[in-house]
Amino acid sequence: MRVSIAGAGLGGLALAQGLRGAGIEADVYERDPAITARFQGYRLVLNQAGFEAVRGCLPPRWHPLLDAIVGDAYGERLILDPRLNTIGELGPGRTGTVVDRHVLRHLLLTGLTVRTGAALTGYEVLADGKVDARFSHGEPVTADLLVGADGVASAVRATLSPRTVPTDTGVRFVIGRTTLTERFAGLSKAFGSKIAGDGVSLLLGAMRFRTPPKEAAEELAPEVSLPDVRDYVRWAMILPSDGSLGASSPQEAALSRMDGWHPDLRALIEQSDPDNSTLLSIRVVEPRERWAPGPVTLLGDAVHATSPTGGNGANTALRDADLLRRSLIEAAEGRRNLLDAVGDYERQMFAYGAEAVRHSLDALPAYVPKS
């Protein structure tokens, strides 16, 4: 069996690792010109299902390394004013495992060959049931299955399910990361809480590694090379639904809305890494119509992109990867045919993927400030 995967995000790479471990040929194609063409590394909270999905896709020999490079989710889940006074509560907090996306992606890349600069330009289902995928890098590639793991702007989805399109929620946010120094450790009350300002909400989360990733890899899995990332604070400022990002830098966009805020909060933004800060919009993709069964399917944000306020985007993509991995192994071992295996994956994925999108949209109003 041969599988072509369009997209080198967490879901696509996890699937490739899981198939590779089962002896199934999996080729990954990425439209970015290089793996590090853009920064992709903020703190994520994995629930038990998401974390177990990663473990399921990774070789067991790397499980001790995975356990070493994560952290524990915690936070008081308060509502604070800009001077850090408590003015309310958000409700019960989420428990889980905290992971840095940049670090996890490098772990998932280990041992894989990813063809970069390879944007999907189209595909054709052949008479024998296989699929020819065309990429900008060269000749068509024939596979038993093409998986679109190519994100919100999925080129695979545009052909497979053209009426499934992204929806812009209208919400804009600024996100960045700042080294967790002793001064910012004093903001622990704000970690996991919402700071409600005038027309904005600021959310903070601490990424504390059990072991620095580079050191953990050198000790536990020398064949793995991980970035030298240290503990940091991930911050995200959510603007009102009609908020304009303007042309300013991410730091300026945030600081311009923080007059009179606690000096530690302003310093957190001022000292953030400009290369790891960005301005983003929140778009969602809801899985709607089922396409005809065939040798093409979708995974992750390509079919069910969620609002980050739901905390379930990465978890759902990783769950997809693990479920599809297990389904394809059954097909490769002759326990079921390929179309039945993919169809069963899609049936389950549509159900929990749609629920994940609904949950994320239901959670969004609690974080979006009034205009």
Protein backbone atom coordinates (compact mmCIF):
# COMPACT_ATOMS: atom_id res chain seq x y z
CA MET A 1 0.00 0.00 0.00
CA ARG A 2 1.18 3.51 -0.80
CA VAL A 3 -0.27 6.68 0.73
CA SER A 4 0.36 10.23 -0.45
CA ILE A 5 -0.10 12.88 2.24
CA ALA A 6 -0.53 16.53 1.27
CA GLY A 7 0.54 18.70 4.20
CA ALA A 8 3.31 18.49 6.79
CA GLY A 9 1.42 19.74 9.82
CA LEU A 10 1.02 17.73 13.01
CA GLY A 11 -1.77 15.53 11.65
CA GLY A 12 -0.10 14.66 8.36
CA LEU A 13 3.25 13.94 9.99
CA ALA A 14 1.69 11.84 12.76
CA LEU A 15 -0.11 9.76 10.13
CA ALA A 16 3.12 9.33 8.16
CA GLN A 17 4.99 8.19 11.27
CA GLY A 18 2.26 5.73 12.19
CA LEU A 19 2.11 4.22 8.71
CA ARG A 20 5.89 4.08 8.43
CA GLY A 21 6.05 2.17 11.71
CA ALA A 22 3.61 -0.38 10.27
CA GLY A 23 5.64 -0.85 7.10
CA ILE A 24 3.23 1.13 4.89
CA GLU A 25 4.82 3.50 2.38
CA ALA A 26 3.81 7.10 3.09
CA ASP A 27 5.07 10.11 1.15
CA VAL A 28 4.59 13.65 2.52
CA TYR A 29 4.29 16.71 0.27
CA GLU A 30 4.39 20.26 1.68
CA ARG A 31 3.57 23.43 -0.27
CA ASP A 32 5.87 25.62 1.87
CA PRO A 33 9.29 26.12 0.26
CA ALA A 34 11.02 24.71 3.34
CA ILE A 35 10.09 23.00 6.59
CA THR A 36 11.15 26.11 8.53
CA ALA A 37 9.75 28.64 6.02
CA ARG A 38 7.40 29.97 8.67
CA PHE A 39 7.27 29.70 12.43
CA GLN A 40 4.81 27.09 13.68
CA GLY A 41 5.47 26.77 17.36
CA TYR A 42 3.10 27.75 20.12
CA ARG A 43 1.99 25.98 23.26
CA LEU A 44 -0.77 23.40 22.85
CA VAL A 45 -2.80 21.56 25.46
CA LEU A 46 -3.36 17.93 24.51
CA ASN A 47 -6.18 16.08 26.19
CA GLN A 48 -5.79 12.38 26.99
CA ALA A 49 -7.12 11.30 23.60
CA GLY A 50 -4.79 13.67 21.74
CA PHE A 51 -1.75 12.64 23.73
CA GLU A 52 -2.49 8.93 23.33
CA ALA A 53 -2.97 9.48 19.59
CA VAL A 54 0.55 10.90 19.35
CA ARG A 55 1.94 7.97 21.29
CA GLY A 56 0.09 5.57 19.02
CA CYS A 57 1.66 7.08 15.91
CA LEU A 58 5.21 7.30 17.27
CA PRO A 59 7.64 4.38 17.60
CA PRO A 60 7.54 3.06 21.19
CA ARG A 61 11.28 3.75 21.58
CA TRP A 62 10.46 7.49 21.47
CA HIS A 63 7.77 7.37 24.14
CA PRO A 64 10.22 8.21 26.98
CA LEU A 65 11.41 11.23 24.97
CA LEU A 66 7.84 12.39 24.38
CA ASP A 67 7.11 12.10 28.11
CA ALA A 68 10.23 14.16 28.89
CA ILE A 69 9.53 17.12 26.59
CA VAL A 70 5.98 17.90 27.64
CA GLY A 71 4.58 19.75 30.64
CA ASP A 72 1.46 19.76 32.76
CA ALA A 73 -1.52 22.01 32.09
CA TYR A 74 -2.60 24.15 34.97
CA GLY A 75 -4.18 27.52 35.63
CA GLU A 76 -6.64 29.16 37.96
CA ARG A 77 -9.17 30.01 35.21
CA LEU A 78 -9.95 33.45 36.57
CA ILE A 79 -11.16 36.64 34.95
CA LEU A 80 -8.76 39.47 35.82
CA ASP A 81 -8.74 43.18 35.13
CA PRO A 82 -5.71 44.84 33.48
CA ARG A 83 -4.17 45.45 36.93
CA LEU A 84 -4.46 41.70 37.71
CA ASN A 85 -7.32 42.03 40.19
CA THR A 86 -9.76 39.11 40.21
CA ILE A 87 -13.19 40.10 38.91
CA GLY A 88 -14.71 36.71 38.05
CA GLU A 89 -14.15 33.10 37.10
CA LEU A 90 -14.10 31.28 33.76
CA GLY A 91 -15.23 27.95 35.16
CA PRO A 92 -13.53 24.57 35.54
CA GLY A 93 -10.10 24.33 33.97
CA ARG A 94 -8.91 21.85 31.37
CA THR A 95 -6.46 19.23 32.48
CA GLY A 96 -4.05 17.73 30.03
CA THR A 97 -0.52 17.71 28.73
CA VAL A 98 1.19 20.85 27.47
CA VAL A 99 3.39 20.51 24.40
CA ASP A 100 5.25 22.95 22.18
CA ARG A 101 4.05 22.59 18.60
CA HIS A 102 7.47 23.47 17.12
CA VAL A 103 9.18 20.79 19.21
CA LEU A 104 6.52 18.15 18.57
CA ARG A 105 6.65 18.83 14.84
CA HIS A 106 10.41 18.24 14.80
CA LEU A 107 9.93 14.95 16.64
CA LEU A 108 7.30 13.89 14.11
CA LEU A 109 9.58 14.88 11.22
CA THR A 110 12.36 12.54 12.37
CA GLY A 111 13.15 9.89 9.78
CA LEU A 112 10.58 11.16 7.26
CA THR A 113 11.31 12.54 3.81
CA VAL A 114 9.15 15.59 3.14
CA ARG A 115 9.08 17.06 -0.34
CA THR A 116 8.81 20.81 0.12
CA GLY A 117 7.75 23.35 -2.49
CA ALA A 118 5.23 20.71 -3.59
CA ALA A 119 1.80 22.34 -3.71
CA LEU A 120 -0.99 20.06 -4.86
CA THR A 121 -2.27 21.24 -8.26
CA GLY A 122 -4.87 18.54 -8.79
CA TYR A 123 -5.60 14.83 -8.74
CA GLU A 124 -7.35 12.19 -10.82
CA VAL A 125 -8.96 8.93 -9.73
CA LEU A 126 -7.80 6.19 -12.08
CA ALA A 127 -9.81 3.31 -13.55
CA ASP A 128 -8.07 0.81 -11.27
CA GLY A 129 -9.15 2.73 -8.15
CA LYS A 130 -5.80 4.34 -7.45
CA VAL A 131 -5.24 8.10 -7.50
CA ASP A 132 -2.78 10.24 -9.43
CA ALA A 133 -1.83 13.37 -7.46
CA ARG A 134 -0.16 16.25 -9.27
CA PHE A 135 2.24 18.45 -7.34
CA SER A 136 4.11 21.55 -8.47
CA HIS A 137 7.42 19.75 -7.98
CA GLY A 138 7.19 17.42 -10.96
CA GLU A 139 5.57 14.24 -12.29
CA PRO A 140 2.23 12.89 -11.00
CA VAL A 141 2.43 10.47 -8.08
CA THR A 142 0.29 7.34 -8.05
CA ALA A 143 -0.95 6.04 -4.71
CA ASP A 144 -3.66 3.87 -3.22
CA LEU A 145 -4.84 6.79 -1.10
CA LEU A 146 -4.40 10.57 -1.14
CA VAL A 147 -4.86 12.28 2.23
CA GLY A 148 -5.52 16.01 2.32
CA ALA A 149 -3.88 17.20 5.53
CA ASP A 150 -3.21 20.60 3.99
CA GLY A 151 -5.02 22.90 6.40
CA VAL A 152 -7.82 25.45 6.22
CA ALA A 153 -6.98 26.39 2.62
CA SER A 154 -6.86 22.73 1.56
CA ALA A 155 -6.31 22.18 -2.16
CA VAL A 156 -7.47 18.57 -1.77
CA ARG A 157 -10.77 19.67 -0.20
CA ALA A 158 -11.36 22.22 -2.98
CA THR A 159 -11.73 19.32 -5.43
CA LEU A 160 -13.09 16.59 -3.17
CA SER A 161 -15.72 18.69 -1.38
CA PRO A 162 -15.92 22.11 -3.09
CA ARG A 163 -18.97 23.23 -1.10
CA THR A 164 -17.09 22.79 2.17
CA VAL A 165 -15.44 26.17 2.57
CA PRO A 166 -13.86 28.11 5.46
CA THR A 167 -16.00 30.54 7.43
CA ASP A 168 -14.40 33.70 8.80
CA THR A 169 -15.72 34.30 12.32
CA GLY A 170 -14.66 37.95 12.09
CA VAL A 171 -12.51 37.53 15.20
CA ARG A 172 -8.88 38.67 15.00
CA PHE A 173 -6.09 38.01 17.45
CA VAL A 174 -2.43 38.72 18.06
CA ILE A 175 -0.22 35.91 19.34
CA GLY A 176 3.37 35.65 20.53
CA ARG A 177 5.77 34.09 22.98
CA THR A 178 8.14 35.48 25.60
CA THR A 179 10.90 33.71 27.54
CA LEU A 180 9.67 32.71 30.99
CA THR A 181 11.97 34.69 33.26
CA GLU A 182 11.68 35.03 37.04
CA ARG A 183 9.75 38.27 36.58
CA PHE A 184 7.09 36.67 34.41
CA ALA A 185 6.85 33.61 36.64
CA GLY A 186 5.16 36.06 39.02
CA LEU A 187 2.24 36.23 36.60
CA SER A 188 1.22 32.67 37.46
CA LYS A 189 -2.20 33.87 38.63
CA ALA A 190 -2.87 34.94 35.05
CA PHE A 191 -1.82 31.66 33.44
CA GLY A 192 -4.95 29.97 32.14
CA SER A 193 -7.01 33.04 33.01
CA LYS A 194 -8.57 35.80 30.91
CA ILE A 195 -7.47 39.39 31.37
CA ALA A 196 -10.40 41.57 30.33
CA GLY A 197 -9.37 44.97 29.05
CA ASP A 198 -11.16 47.74 27.18
CA GLY A 199 -12.28 45.98 24.01
CA VAL A 200 -9.68 43.20 24.20
CA SER A 201 -8.99 39.97 26.06
CA LEU A 202 -5.47 38.75 26.85
CA LEU A 203 -4.84 35.04 27.43
CA LEU A 204 -1.61 33.70 28.89
CA GLY A 205 -0.28 30.16 29.07
CA ALA A 206 3.03 28.85 30.45
CA MET A 207 5.09 26.27 28.56
CA ARG A 208 7.31 24.59 31.13
CA PHE A 209 9.19 21.57 29.79
CA ARG A 210 9.90 18.67 32.14
CA THR A 211 13.31 18.50 30.43
CA PRO A 212 14.69 20.99 27.86
CA PRO A 213 13.91 19.30 24.50
CA LYS A 214 17.41 19.42 23.01
CA GLU A 215 18.92 17.90 26.15
CA ALA A 216 16.18 15.27 26.40
CA ALA A 217 16.77 14.11 22.83
CA GLU A 218 20.53 13.91 23.30
CA GLU A 219 20.05 11.71 26.36
CA LEU A 220 17.06 9.56 25.39
CA ALA A 221 17.08 9.35 21.58
CA PRO A 222 20.32 10.58 19.99
CA GLU A 223 18.92 9.96 16.48
CA VAL A 224 16.36 12.73 17.12
CA SER A 225 17.34 16.38 16.81
CA LEU A 226 15.08 18.80 18.67
CA PRO A 227 15.18 22.61 18.85
CA ASP A 228 16.87 24.29 21.80
CA VAL A 229 13.66 25.80 23.20
CA ARG A 230 13.37 27.02 26.78
CA ASP A 231 10.36 27.69 29.00
CA TYR A 232 8.17 30.53 27.75
CA VAL A 233 4.83 32.30 28.10
CA ARG A 234 2.43 32.11 25.16
CA TRP A 235 0.23 35.18 24.97
CA ALA A 236 -2.75 35.86 22.75
CA MET A 237 -4.77 39.07 22.57
CA ILE A 238 -8.26 38.63 21.14
CA LEU A 239 -9.81 41.70 19.54
CA PRO A 240 -13.51 42.46 19.16
CA SER A 241 -15.26 40.92 16.17
CA ASP A 242 -14.99 44.14 14.17
CA GLY A 243 -11.45 44.83 15.36
CA SER A 244 -8.87 45.87 12.81
CA LEU A 245 -5.33 44.60 13.00
CA GLY A 246 -4.04 47.57 11.05
CA ALA A 247 -0.53 47.60 9.63
CA SER A 248 1.35 47.59 12.92
CA SER A 249 3.62 44.82 14.20
CA PRO A 250 2.06 42.21 16.49
CA GLN A 251 3.69 43.79 19.54
CA GLU A 252 2.52 47.28 18.58
CA ALA A 253 -0.99 46.00 17.89
CA ALA A 254 -1.16 44.60 21.42
CA LEU A 255 0.64 47.42 23.26
CA SER A 256 -1.53 50.08 21.63
CA ARG A 257 -4.48 48.57 23.50
CA MET A 258 -2.73 48.27 26.89
CA ASP A 259 -2.54 51.82 28.26
CA GLY A 260 -2.67 51.67 32.06
CA TRP A 261 -2.17 47.90 32.24
CA HIS A 262 0.00 46.22 34.85
CA PRO A 263 3.68 46.88 34.01
CA ASP A 264 4.52 43.16 34.02
CA LEU A 265 1.89 42.55 31.35
CA ARG A 266 3.23 45.35 29.17
CA ALA A 267 6.78 44.09 29.68
CA LEU A 268 5.68 40.59 28.66
CA ILE A 269 4.62 41.93 25.26
CA GLU A 270 7.58 44.29 24.91
CA GLN A 271 10.08 41.48 25.52
CA SER A 272 8.42 38.94 23.23
CA ASP A 273 10.28 37.45 20.31
CA PRO A 274 9.29 39.46 17.19
CA ASP A 275 10.11 36.51 14.92
CA ASN A 276 7.61 34.34 16.80
CA SER A 277 4.71 36.79 16.92
CA THR A 278 1.96 37.19 14.37
CA LEU A 279 -1.48 38.61 13.55
CA LEU A 280 -4.19 36.05 12.74
CA SER A 281 -7.86 35.66 11.95
CA ILE A 282 -10.06 32.89 13.30
CA ARG A 283 -11.59 30.79 10.53
CA VAL A 284 -13.43 27.52 10.91
CA VAL A 285 -14.25 24.66 8.56
CA GLU A 286 -17.32 22.59 9.37
CA PRO A 287 -17.55 19.06 7.92
CA ARG A 288 -20.85 19.12 6.06
CA GLU A 289 -21.45 16.99 2.96
CA ARG A 290 -20.06 13.49 2.68
CA TRP A 291 -18.26 12.91 -0.59
CA ALA A 292 -18.49 9.72 -2.60
CA PRO A 293 -16.28 6.91 -1.25
CA GLY A 294 -12.95 6.72 -3.01
CA PRO A 295 -9.17 6.84 -2.71
CA VAL A 296 -9.12 10.44 -1.43
CA THR A 297 -9.87 11.67 2.09
CA LEU A 298 -9.26 14.59 4.44
CA LEU A 299 -7.67 15.03 7.85
CA GLY A 300 -7.41 17.80 10.45
CA ASP A 301 -8.05 21.46 9.64
CA ALA A 302 -8.70 20.57 6.01
CA VAL A 303 -12.09 19.20 7.05
CA HIS A 304 -12.80 20.47 10.61
CA ALA A 305 -10.83 23.59 11.51
CA THR A 306 -11.83 24.85 14.96
CA SER A 307 -11.56 28.12 16.82
CA PRO A 308 -8.50 28.01 19.12
CA THR A 309 -10.74 28.94 22.06
CA GLY A 310 -12.07 25.38 21.98
CA GLY A 311 -8.62 23.96 22.66
CA ASN A 312 -9.36 20.98 20.42
CA GLY A 313 -7.85 21.68 16.97
CA ALA A 314 -4.59 19.78 17.41
CA ASN A 315 -6.29 17.11 19.50
CA THR A 316 -8.83 16.39 16.77
CA ALA A 317 -6.21 16.32 13.98
CA LEU A 318 -4.07 13.89 15.95
CA ARG A 319 -7.11 11.76 16.69
CA ASP A 320 -7.75 11.66 12.93
CA ALA A 321 -4.18 10.55 12.26
CA ASP A 322 -4.34 7.72 14.78
CA LEU A 323 -7.78 6.53 13.65
CA LEU A 324 -6.82 6.58 9.97
CA ARG A 325 -3.52 4.85 10.78
CA ARG A 326 -5.32 1.99 12.48
CA SER A 327 -7.89 1.72 9.70
CA LEU A 328 -5.23 1.58 6.99
CA ILE A 329 -3.22 -1.04 8.87
CA GLU A 330 -6.31 -3.25 8.87
CA ALA A 331 -6.62 -2.78 5.11
CA ALA A 332 -2.91 -3.45 4.52
CA GLU A 333 -3.18 -6.67 6.53
CA GLY A 334 -6.15 -7.82 4.46
CA ARG A 335 -8.68 -7.64 7.29
CA ARG A 336 -10.90 -5.28 5.27
CA ASN A 337 -10.79 -3.56 1.90
CA LEU A 338 -9.38 -0.08 1.55
CA LEU A 339 -12.62 1.74 0.73
CA ASP A 340 -14.39 0.22 3.73
CA ALA A 341 -11.48 1.19 5.98
CA VAL A 342 -11.46 4.78 4.73
CA GLY A 343 -15.25 4.97 4.85
CA ASP A 344 -15.31 3.88 8.49
CA TYR A 345 -12.65 6.47 9.32
CA GLU A 346 -14.67 9.20 7.60
CA ARG A 347 -17.90 8.23 9.35
CA GLN A 348 -16.32 8.52 12.79
CA MET A 349 -14.24 11.59 11.89
CA PHE A 350 -17.28 13.50 10.58
CA ALA A 351 -19.14 12.92 13.84
CA TYR A 352 -16.46 13.96 16.32
CA GLY A 353 -15.00 16.60 13.97
CA ALA A 354 -18.33 18.40 13.67
CA GLU A 355 -18.73 18.26 17.45
CA ALA A 356 -15.24 19.74 17.92
CA VAL A 357 -16.09 22.69 15.66
CA ARG A 358 -19.40 23.29 17.47
CA HIS A 359 -17.67 23.14 20.84
CA SER A 360 -15.02 25.64 19.77
CA LEU A 361 -17.62 28.09 18.45
CA ASP A 362 -19.69 27.75 21.62
CA ALA A 363 -16.59 28.64 23.66
CA LEU A 364 -15.65 31.64 21.52
CA PRO A 365 -18.06 34.28 22.98
CA ALA A 366 -16.58 33.91 26.48
CA TYR A 367 -13.24 35.20 25.15
CA VAL A 368 -14.30 37.73 22.53
CA PRO A 369 -14.60 41.25 23.98
CA LYS A 370 -17.53 43.47 23.15
CA SER A 371 -17.02 46.06 20.45
